Amino acid sequence: MFVRGSDNVVTKGSTLVLPSVSIGNVPQLAVDLLINTLQASRVGILDSSSVMPISGPSGFDHLPTQRSVPVEVYQSGDAQWTIIQQRSPPLPKHHRIFAQEVMDFIGQGEFSKVVLLTSSDAALRADALIDGPQIRSLAINWQDELLASRLQALSLGPLSLSAGITTSETTAQVPLDQLHAAGISKHLLRLCQTTKIPVLSLVALANEGDNVPDAINLANATNALLELAPNAKQWCPPRSWEWLMAPGMAPSELF
């Protein structure tokens, strides 16, 4: 259930960018960069019993007193961009339930576009994807020719080399079997296909490890495609990244 932080929150006509908790946490890290650089405000949360409950200090520099919760909804000042940040994964056997809850939020929000950021295990990628760009696209019911041409110009080719960018295939034809360790992505994309909701997924082919470079590449691709922060000269990593790969003891604020 979407719990609004204010009655003035408007989602209709906004572009929704959301991550799937996937291998290397690449989508979540990319979303961190988007939110912190845009200095987006938290406008609500998705209250779900299907994700692991957590609470912690703020992850963002411009919101120092805010407590972090499992699924947060942010918006740019002009409400053009709505961005979800998910800080904990779905509970075991709850992936389908949570995907449906996210789907309900998408349907109720009346967003103009839905862009799903996800990552897939590079060790299991098709041989044809070993060379070339390691960020691929997967489109379902997508009819935005402008973004389709941008995808081509940015070399963000389809996840399946036999699939087009603008597509309305049946579920069986959409190459979801090529998504590995991608969280709720398969469930959510199937639901979008069934309900005829257009969605574009950017898929980072990644391995576990230091995934900061992967996150920056995914954020770059998302920004180049959507122009979220066209004037940003560089990304601003949030305060939560200070202990991302740091040795030693974790800060006491985490506990």
C-alpha atoms as a PDB file:
ATOM      1  CA  MET A   1       0.000   0.000   0.000  1.00  0.00           C
ATOM      2  CA  PHE A   2       1.280   3.464  -0.944  1.00  0.00           C
ATOM      3  CA  VAL A   3       1.443   5.664   2.122  1.00  0.00           C
ATOM      4  CA  ARG A   4       1.681   9.281   0.963  1.00  0.00           C
ATOM      5  CA  GLY A   5       3.827  11.701   2.868  1.00  0.00           C
ATOM      6  CA  SER A   6       1.537  14.518   1.767  1.00  0.00           C
ATOM      7  CA  ASP A   7      -1.887  14.929   0.185  1.00  0.00           C
ATOM      8  CA  ASN A   8      -0.246  17.082  -2.503  1.00  0.00           C
ATOM      9  CA  VAL A   9       1.713  14.222  -4.055  1.00  0.00           C
ATOM     10  CA  VAL A  10       0.924  13.896  -7.783  1.00  0.00           C
ATOM     11  CA  THR A  11       2.028  10.845  -9.755  1.00  0.00           C
ATOM     12  CA  LYS A  12      -0.206  11.099 -12.824  1.00  0.00           C
ATOM     13  CA  GLY A  13       1.911  11.904 -15.866  1.00  0.00           C
ATOM     14  CA  SER A  14       5.188  11.371 -13.993  1.00  0.00           C
ATOM     15  CA  THR A  15       7.840   8.933 -15.219  1.00  0.00           C
ATOM     16  CA  LEU A  16       8.431   6.112 -12.749  1.00  0.00           C
ATOM     17  CA  VAL A  17      11.933   4.697 -12.329  1.00  0.00           C
ATOM     18  CA  LEU A  18      12.199   1.696 -10.030  1.00  0.00           C
ATOM     19  CA  PRO A  19      14.861  -0.889  -9.212  1.00  0.00           C
ATOM     20  CA  SER A  20      14.583  -4.605  -8.765  1.00  0.00           C
ATOM     21  CA  VAL A  21      16.808  -5.983  -5.996  1.00  0.00           C
ATOM     22  CA  SER A  22      19.156  -7.951  -8.237  1.00  0.00           C
ATOM     23  CA  ILE A  23      22.673  -9.366  -8.424  1.00  0.00           C
ATOM     24  CA  GLY A  24      25.284  -6.922  -7.118  1.00  0.00           C
ATOM     25  CA  ASN A  25      22.554  -4.491  -6.001  1.00  0.00           C
ATOM     26  CA  VAL A  26      23.394  -2.584  -9.176  1.00  0.00           C
ATOM     27  CA  PRO A  27      19.893  -1.083  -9.694  1.00  0.00           C
ATOM     28  CA  GLN A  28      19.660   0.131  -6.093  1.00  0.00           C
ATOM     29  CA  LEU A  29      23.096   1.768  -6.297  1.00  0.00           C
ATOM     30  CA  ALA A  30      22.156   3.449  -9.579  1.00  0.00           C
ATOM     31  CA  VAL A  31      18.953   4.764  -8.006  1.00  0.00           C
ATOM     32  CA  ASP A  32      21.025   6.090  -5.079  1.00  0.00           C
ATOM     33  CA  LEU A  33      22.941   8.250  -7.559  1.00  0.00           C
ATOM     34  CA  LEU A  34      19.777   9.490  -9.251  1.00  0.00           C
ATOM     35  CA  ILE A  35      18.017  10.446  -6.006  1.00  0.00           C
ATOM     36  CA  ASN A  36      21.029  12.078  -4.366  1.00  0.00           C
ATOM     37  CA  THR A  37      22.073  14.035  -7.464  1.00  0.00           C
ATOM     38  CA  LEU A  38      18.529  15.219  -8.166  1.00  0.00           C
ATOM     39  CA  GLN A  39      18.030  15.922  -4.450  1.00  0.00           C
ATOM     40  CA  ALA A  40      14.627  14.303  -4.781  1.00  0.00           C
ATOM     41  CA  SER A  41      12.272  14.447  -1.813  1.00  0.00           C
ATOM     42  CA  ARG A  42      10.673  11.424  -0.209  1.00  0.00           C
ATOM     43  CA  VAL A  43       6.945  11.704  -0.874  1.00  0.00           C
ATOM     44  CA  GLY A  44       5.846   8.416   0.655  1.00  0.00           C
ATOM     45  CA  ILE A  45       6.590   4.757   1.196  1.00  0.00           C
ATOM     46  CA  LEU A  46       5.300   1.444  -0.084  1.00  0.00           C
ATOM     47  CA  ASP A  47       4.161  -0.326   3.067  1.00  0.00           C
ATOM     48  CA  SER A  48       4.456  -4.061   2.426  1.00  0.00           C
ATOM     49  CA  SER A  49       4.668  -7.075   4.696  1.00  0.00           C
ATOM     50  CA  SER A  50       6.301  -8.962   1.812  1.00  0.00           C
ATOM     51  CA  VAL A  51       9.731  -7.340   2.201  1.00  0.00           C
ATOM     52  CA  MET A  52      12.277  -7.749   4.952  1.00  0.00           C
ATOM     53  CA  PRO A  53      11.660  -5.052   7.604  1.00  0.00           C
ATOM     54  CA  ILE A  54      14.566  -2.699   8.207  1.00  0.00           C
ATOM     55  CA  SER A  55      15.173   0.723   9.693  1.00  0.00           C
ATOM     56  CA  GLY A  56      18.281   2.829   9.647  1.00  0.00           C
ATOM     57  CA  PRO A  57      19.777   6.302   9.292  1.00  0.00           C
ATOM     58  CA  SER A  58      19.252   8.421   6.209  1.00  0.00           C
ATOM     59  CA  GLY A  59      21.124   7.339   3.129  1.00  0.00           C
ATOM     60  CA  PHE A  60      21.099  10.788   1.504  1.00  0.00           C
ATOM     61  CA  ASP A  61      23.048  13.968   2.155  1.00  0.00           C
ATOM     62  CA  HIS A  62      20.123  16.336   1.584  1.00  0.00           C
ATOM     63  CA  LEU A  63      17.815  14.423   3.962  1.00  0.00           C
ATOM     64  CA  PRO A  64      20.052  14.005   7.036  1.00  0.00           C
ATOM     65  CA  THR A  65      17.310  13.420   9.625  1.00  0.00           C
ATOM     66  CA  GLN A  66      15.185  10.999   7.610  1.00  0.00           C
ATOM     67  CA  ARG A  67      14.985   7.358   8.670  1.00  0.00           C
ATOM     68  CA  SER A  68      15.449   4.705   6.006  1.00  0.00           C
ATOM     69  CA  VAL A  69      12.700   2.097   5.534  1.00  0.00           C
ATOM     70  CA  PRO A  70      12.373  -0.865   3.142  1.00  0.00           C
ATOM     71  CA  VAL A  71      10.630   0.756   0.141  1.00  0.00           C
ATOM     72  CA  GLU A  72      10.711   4.520  -0.312  1.00  0.00           C
ATOM     73  CA  VAL A  73       9.131   6.725  -2.994  1.00  0.00           C
ATOM     74  CA  TYR A  74      10.939   9.909  -4.071  1.00  0.00           C
ATOM     75  CA  GLN A  75      10.030  12.671  -6.479  1.00  0.00           C
ATOM     76  CA  SER A  76      11.839  15.497  -8.207  1.00  0.00           C
ATOM     77  CA  GLY A  77      10.745  19.035  -7.360  1.00  0.00           C
ATOM     78  CA  ASP A  78       8.717  19.345 -10.571  1.00  0.00           C
ATOM     79  CA  ALA A  79       7.144  15.878 -10.093  1.00  0.00           C
ATOM     80  CA  GLN A  80       8.446  14.876 -13.527  1.00  0.00           C
ATOM     81  CA  TRP A  81      10.368  11.952 -12.052  1.00  0.00           C
ATOM     82  CA  THR A  82       9.120   9.494  -9.442  1.00  0.00           C
ATOM     83  CA  ILE A  83      11.836   7.161  -8.191  1.00  0.00           C
ATOM     84  CA  ILE A  84      11.493   4.139  -5.933  1.00  0.00           C
ATOM     85  CA  GLN A  85      14.344   3.004  -3.716  1.00  0.00           C
ATOM     86  CA  GLN A  86      14.113  -0.489  -2.246  1.00  0.00           C
ATOM     87  CA  ARG A  87      16.493  -1.208   0.609  1.00  0.00           C
ATOM     88  CA  SER A  88      15.587  -4.797   1.484  1.00  0.00           C
ATOM     89  CA  PRO A  89      14.610  -7.817  -0.610  1.00  0.00           C
ATOM     90  CA  PRO A  90      11.268  -9.625  -0.642  1.00  0.00           C
ATOM     91  CA  LEU A  91      10.902 -12.357   1.928  1.00  0.00           C
ATOM     92  CA  PRO A  92      11.271 -15.953   0.700  1.00  0.00           C
ATOM     93  CA  LYS A  93       8.279 -17.044  -1.399  1.00  0.00           C
ATOM     94  CA  HIS A  94       6.949 -13.476  -1.443  1.00  0.00           C
ATOM     95  CA  HIS A  95       8.385 -12.339  -4.779  1.00  0.00           C
ATOM     96  CA  ARG A  96       5.127 -12.782  -6.697  1.00  0.00           C
ATOM     97  CA  ILE A  97       3.106 -11.075  -3.963  1.00  0.00           C
ATOM     98  CA  PHE A  98       5.429  -8.092  -3.834  1.00  0.00           C
ATOM     99  CA  ALA A  99       5.507  -7.828  -7.632  1.00  0.00           C
ATOM    100  CA  GLN A 100       1.709  -7.609  -7.593  1.00  0.00           C
ATOM    101  CA  GLU A 101       1.852  -4.896  -4.926  1.00  0.00           C
ATOM    102  CA  VAL A 102       4.275  -2.881  -7.052  1.00  0.00           C
ATOM    103  CA  MET A 103       2.004  -3.489 -10.030  1.00  0.00           C
ATOM    104  CA  ASP A 104      -0.961  -2.125  -8.078  1.00  0.00           C
ATOM    105  CA  PHE A 105       1.057   1.018  -7.285  1.00  0.00           C
ATOM    106  CA  ILE A 106       1.936   1.425 -10.972  1.00  0.00           C
ATOM    107  CA  GLY A 107      -1.686   1.058 -12.012  1.00  0.00           C
ATOM    108  CA  GLN A 108      -2.974   3.498  -9.422  1.00  0.00           C
ATOM    109  CA  GLY A 109      -0.234   6.054 -10.134  1.00  0.00           C
ATOM    110  CA  GLU A 110      -1.185   6.605 -13.793  1.00  0.00           C
ATOM    111  CA  PHE A 111       2.446   7.170 -14.732  1.00  0.00           C
ATOM    112  CA  SER A 112       3.333   8.309 -18.230  1.00  0.00           C
ATOM    113  CA  LYS A 113       6.243   5.871 -18.468  1.00  0.00           C
ATOM    114  CA  VAL A 114       7.624   3.006 -16.380  1.00  0.00           C
ATOM    115  CA  VAL A 115      11.360   2.235 -16.483  1.00  0.00           C
ATOM    116  CA  LEU A 116      12.578  -0.806 -14.548  1.00  0.00           C
ATOM    117  CA  LEU A 117      16.265  -1.016 -13.656  1.00  0.00           C
ATOM    118  CA  THR A 118      17.550  -4.510 -13.070  1.00  0.00           C
ATOM    119  CA  SER A 119      20.722  -6.579 -13.254  1.00  0.00           C
ATOM    120  CA  SER A 120      21.319 -10.100 -14.458  1.00  0.00           C
ATOM    121  CA  ASP A 121      24.095 -12.590 -13.724  1.00  0.00           C
ATOM    122  CA  ALA A 122      26.741 -11.987 -16.390  1.00  0.00           C
ATOM    123  CA  ALA A 123      28.095 -15.508 -15.910  1.00  0.00           C
ATOM    124  CA  LEU A 124      24.830 -16.871 -17.303  1.00  0.00           C
ATOM    125  CA  ARG A 125      24.385 -14.454 -20.197  1.00  0.00           C
ATOM    126  CA  ALA A 126      24.044 -15.755 -23.736  1.00  0.00           C
ATOM    127  CA  ASP A 127      27.290 -16.113 -25.697  1.00  0.00           C
ATOM    128  CA  ALA A 128      26.134 -13.416 -28.113  1.00  0.00           C
ATOM    129  CA  LEU A 129      26.053 -10.912 -25.237  1.00  0.00           C
ATOM    130  CA  ILE A 130      29.616 -11.493 -24.014  1.00  0.00           C
ATOM    131  CA  ASP A 131      30.982  -8.842 -26.366  1.00  0.00           C
ATOM    132  CA  GLY A 132      29.565  -5.382 -26.725  1.00  0.00           C
ATOM    133  CA  PRO A 133      27.557  -3.197 -24.323  1.00  0.00           C
ATOM    134  CA  GLN A 134      26.820  -4.793 -20.968  1.00  0.00           C
ATOM    135  CA  ILE A 135      23.629  -2.817 -20.492  1.00  0.00           C
ATOM    136  CA  ARG A 136      20.742  -4.148 -22.544  1.00  0.00           C
ATOM    137  CA  SER A 137      17.095  -3.244 -22.925  1.00  0.00           C
ATOM    138  CA  LEU A 138      13.921  -5.252 -22.672  1.00  0.00           C
ATOM    139  CA  ALA A 139      10.685  -3.602 -23.796  1.00  0.00           C
ATOM    140  CA  ILE A 140       7.117  -4.778 -23.354  1.00  0.00           C
ATOM    141  CA  ASN A 141       4.130  -3.028 -24.941  1.00  0.00           C
ATOM    142  CA  TRP A 142       6.480  -0.115 -25.610  1.00  0.00           C
ATOM    143  CA  GLN A 143       5.380   2.358 -28.284  1.00  0.00           C
ATOM    144  CA  ASP A 144       7.571   5.386 -27.556  1.00  0.00           C
ATOM    145  CA  GLU A 145       9.448   5.817 -30.804  1.00  0.00           C
ATOM    146  CA  LEU A 146      11.574   8.709 -29.496  1.00  0.00           C
ATOM    147  CA  LEU A 147      13.019   6.622 -26.673  1.00  0.00           C
ATOM    148  CA  ALA A 148      13.319   3.671 -29.033  1.00  0.00           C
ATOM    149  CA  SER A 149      15.517   5.742 -31.324  1.00  0.00           C
ATOM    150  CA  ARG A 150      17.557   6.911 -28.310  1.00  0.00           C
ATOM    151  CA  LEU A 151      18.094   3.307 -27.262  1.00  0.00           C
ATOM    152  CA  GLN A 152      19.491   2.577 -30.682  1.00  0.00           C
ATOM    153  CA  ALA A 153      21.675   5.678 -30.700  1.00  0.00           C
ATOM    154  CA  LEU A 154      23.045   4.808 -27.248  1.00  0.00           C
ATOM    155  CA  SER A 155      23.764   1.188 -28.293  1.00  0.00           C
ATOM    156  CA  LEU A 156      21.407  -0.111 -25.623  1.00  0.00           C
ATOM    157  CA  GLY A 157      20.413  -3.058 -27.748  1.00  0.00           C
ATOM    158  CA  PRO A 158      17.791  -5.630 -26.773  1.00  0.00           C
ATOM    159  CA  LEU A 159      18.538  -8.366 -24.259  1.00  0.00           C
ATOM    160  CA  SER A 160      17.599 -10.862 -26.946  1.00  0.00           C
ATOM    161  CA  LEU A 161      19.334 -10.123 -30.240  1.00  0.00           C
ATOM    162  CA  SER A 162      16.270 -11.484 -32.043  1.00  0.00           C
ATOM    163  CA  ALA A 163      13.882  -9.061 -30.292  1.00  0.00           C
ATOM    164  CA  GLY A 164      12.956  -5.559 -31.333  1.00  0.00           C
ATOM    165  CA  ILE A 165      12.963  -2.485 -29.145  1.00  0.00           C
ATOM    166  CA  THR A 166       9.322  -1.602 -29.696  1.00  0.00           C
ATOM    167  CA  THR A 167       7.390  -4.756 -28.965  1.00  0.00           C
ATOM    168  CA  SER A 168       4.048  -6.222 -28.031  1.00  0.00           C
ATOM    169  CA  GLU A 169       4.971  -9.881 -28.037  1.00  0.00           C
ATOM    170  CA  THR A 170       3.231 -12.589 -26.097  1.00  0.00           C
ATOM    171  CA  THR A 171       4.788 -13.575 -22.791  1.00  0.00           C
ATOM    172  CA  ALA A 172       6.319 -16.664 -24.372  1.00  0.00           C
ATOM    173  CA  GLN A 173       8.209 -14.493 -26.897  1.00  0.00           C
ATOM    174  CA  VAL A 174       9.619 -12.003 -24.409  1.00  0.00           C
ATOM    175  CA  PRO A 175      13.138 -13.204 -23.440  1.00  0.00           C
ATOM    176  CA  LEU A 176      12.536 -13.296 -19.686  1.00  0.00           C
ATOM    177  CA  ASP A 177      14.435 -16.581 -19.487  1.00  0.00           C
ATOM    178  CA  GLN A 178      17.599 -14.537 -20.043  1.00  0.00           C
ATOM    179  CA  LEU A 179      17.142 -12.733 -16.712  1.00  0.00           C
ATOM    180  CA  HIS A 180      19.100 -14.441 -13.919  1.00  0.00           C
ATOM    181  CA  ALA A 181      19.284 -13.396 -10.244  1.00  0.00           C
ATOM    182  CA  ALA A 182      17.086 -10.438 -11.217  1.00  0.00           C
ATOM    183  CA  GLY A 183      14.722 -10.330  -8.240  1.00  0.00           C
ATOM    184  CA  ILE A 184      11.076  -9.629  -9.053  1.00  0.00           C
ATOM    185  CA  SER A 185      11.859  -8.524 -12.613  1.00  0.00           C
ATOM    186  CA  LYS A 186      10.366 -11.565 -14.315  1.00  0.00           C
ATOM    187  CA  HIS A 187       7.171 -11.438 -12.262  1.00  0.00           C
ATOM    188  CA  LEU A 188       6.730  -7.697 -12.710  1.00  0.00           C
ATOM    189  CA  LEU A 189       7.395  -7.754 -16.448  1.00  0.00           C
ATOM    190  CA  ARG A 190       4.941 -10.616 -16.921  1.00  0.00           C
ATOM    191  CA  LEU A 191       2.299  -8.632 -15.040  1.00  0.00           C
ATOM    192  CA  CYS A 192       2.975  -5.578 -17.207  1.00  0.00           C
ATOM    193  CA  GLN A 193       2.659  -7.708 -20.314  1.00  0.00           C
ATOM    194  CA  THR A 194      -0.633  -9.203 -19.132  1.00  0.00           C
ATOM    195  CA  THR A 195      -2.141  -5.847 -18.161  1.00  0.00           C
ATOM    196  CA  LYS A 196      -0.835  -4.106 -21.324  1.00  0.00           C
ATOM    197  CA  ILE A 197       1.168  -1.551 -19.320  1.00  0.00           C
ATOM    198  CA  PRO A 198       4.171  -0.293 -21.322  1.00  0.00           C
ATOM    199  CA  VAL A 199       7.451  -0.846 -19.516  1.00  0.00           C
ATOM    200  CA  LEU A 200      11.074  -0.522 -20.511  1.00  0.00           C
ATOM    201  CA  SER A 201      13.712  -2.393 -18.556  1.00  0.00           C
ATOM    202  CA  LEU A 202      17.411  -1.552 -18.626  1.00  0.00           C
ATOM    203  CA  VAL A 203      19.392  -4.664 -17.718  1.00  0.00           C
ATOM    204  CA  ALA A 204      22.965  -4.462 -16.417  1.00  0.00           C
ATOM    205  CA  LEU A 205      24.898  -7.689 -16.996  1.00  0.00           C
ATOM    206  CA  ALA A 206      27.004  -7.906 -13.851  1.00  0.00           C
ATOM    207  CA  ASN A 207      28.889 -10.104 -11.397  1.00  0.00           C
ATOM    208  CA  GLU A 208      29.049  -9.869  -7.602  1.00  0.00           C
ATOM    209  CA  GLY A 209      31.884  -7.732  -6.249  1.00  0.00           C
ATOM    210  CA  ASP A 210      32.596  -4.017  -6.316  1.00  0.00           C
ATOM    211  CA  ASN A 211      29.577  -3.001  -8.349  1.00  0.00           C
ATOM    212  CA  VAL A 212      30.047   0.762  -8.158  1.00  0.00           C
ATOM    213  CA  PRO A 213      31.284   0.944 -11.789  1.00  0.00           C
ATOM    214  CA  ASP A 214      28.262  -1.089 -12.905  1.00  0.00           C
ATOM    215  CA  ALA A 215      25.947   1.259 -11.001  1.00  0.00           C
ATOM    216  CA  ILE A 216      27.544   4.342 -12.541  1.00  0.00           C
ATOM    217  CA  ASN A 217      27.194   2.825 -16.007  1.00  0.00           C
ATOM    218  CA  LEU A 218      23.530   2.024 -15.371  1.00  0.00           C
ATOM    219  CA  ALA A 219      22.885   5.522 -14.004  1.00  0.00           C
ATOM    220  CA  ASN A 220      24.648   7.005 -17.043  1.00  0.00           C
ATOM    221  CA  ALA A 221      22.515   4.933 -19.399  1.00  0.00           C
ATOM    222  CA  THR A 222      19.313   5.857 -17.574  1.00  0.00           C
ATOM    223  CA  ASN A 223      20.194   9.539 -17.611  1.00  0.00           C
ATOM    224  CA  ALA A 224      21.230   9.511 -21.265  1.00  0.00           C
ATOM    225  CA  LEU A 225      17.949   7.849 -22.173  1.00  0.00           C
ATOM    226  CA  LEU A 226      15.562   9.884 -20.023  1.00  0.00           C
ATOM    227  CA  GLU A 227      17.586  13.077 -19.403  1.00  0.00           C
ATOM    228  CA  LEU A 228      16.724  13.134 -15.712  1.00  0.00           C
ATOM    229  CA  ALA A 229      19.711  15.294 -14.802  1.00  0.00           C
ATOM    230  CA  PRO A 230      20.865  16.842 -18.092  1.00  0.00           C
ATOM    231  CA  ASN A 231      22.928  19.541 -16.339  1.00  0.00           C
ATOM    232  CA  ALA A 232      24.688  17.212 -13.924  1.00  0.00           C
ATOM    233  CA  LYS A 233      28.425  17.184 -14.660  1.00  0.00           C
ATOM    234  CA  GLN A 234      29.020  14.229 -12.359  1.00  0.00           C
ATOM    235  CA  TRP A 235      27.095  11.967 -10.016  1.00  0.00           C
ATOM    236  CA  CYS A 236      26.971  12.725  -6.301  1.00  0.00           C
ATOM    237  CA  PRO A 237      27.305   9.473  -4.310  1.00  0.00           C
ATOM    238  CA  PRO A 238      25.181   9.550  -1.147  1.00  0.00           C
ATOM    239  CA  ARG A 239      26.486   9.311   2.407  1.00  0.00           C
ATOM    240  CA  SER A 240      25.481   5.643   2.554  1.00  0.00           C
ATOM    241  CA  TRP A 241      28.293   4.855   0.112  1.00  0.00           C
ATOM    242  CA  GLU A 242      30.974   5.771   2.640  1.00  0.00           C
ATOM    243  CA  TRP A 243      30.829   2.236   4.046  1.00  0.00           C
ATOM    244  CA  LEU A 244      29.965   0.444   0.820  1.00  0.00           C
ATOM    245  CA  MET A 245      33.320  -1.312   0.460  1.00  0.00           C
ATOM    246  CA  ALA A 246      35.158   0.159   3.455  1.00  0.00           C
ATOM    247  CA  PRO A 247      37.202  -2.055   5.816  1.00  0.00           C
ATOM    248  CA  GLY A 248      37.041  -1.926   9.568  1.00  0.00           C
ATOM    249  CA  MET A 249      34.133  -1.590  11.930  1.00  0.00           C
ATOM    250  CA  ALA A 250      30.737  -0.439  10.731  1.00  0.00           C
ATOM    251  CA  PRO A 251      29.425   2.850  12.173  1.00  0.00           C
ATOM    252  CA  SER A 252      27.436   2.475  15.372  1.00  0.00           C
ATOM    253  CA  GLU A 253      24.514   4.358  13.779  1.00  0.00           C
ATOM    254  CA  LEU A 254      23.701   1.208  11.819  1.00  0.00           C
ATOM    255  CA  PHE A 255      22.644  -0.588  14.983  1.00  0.00           C
END
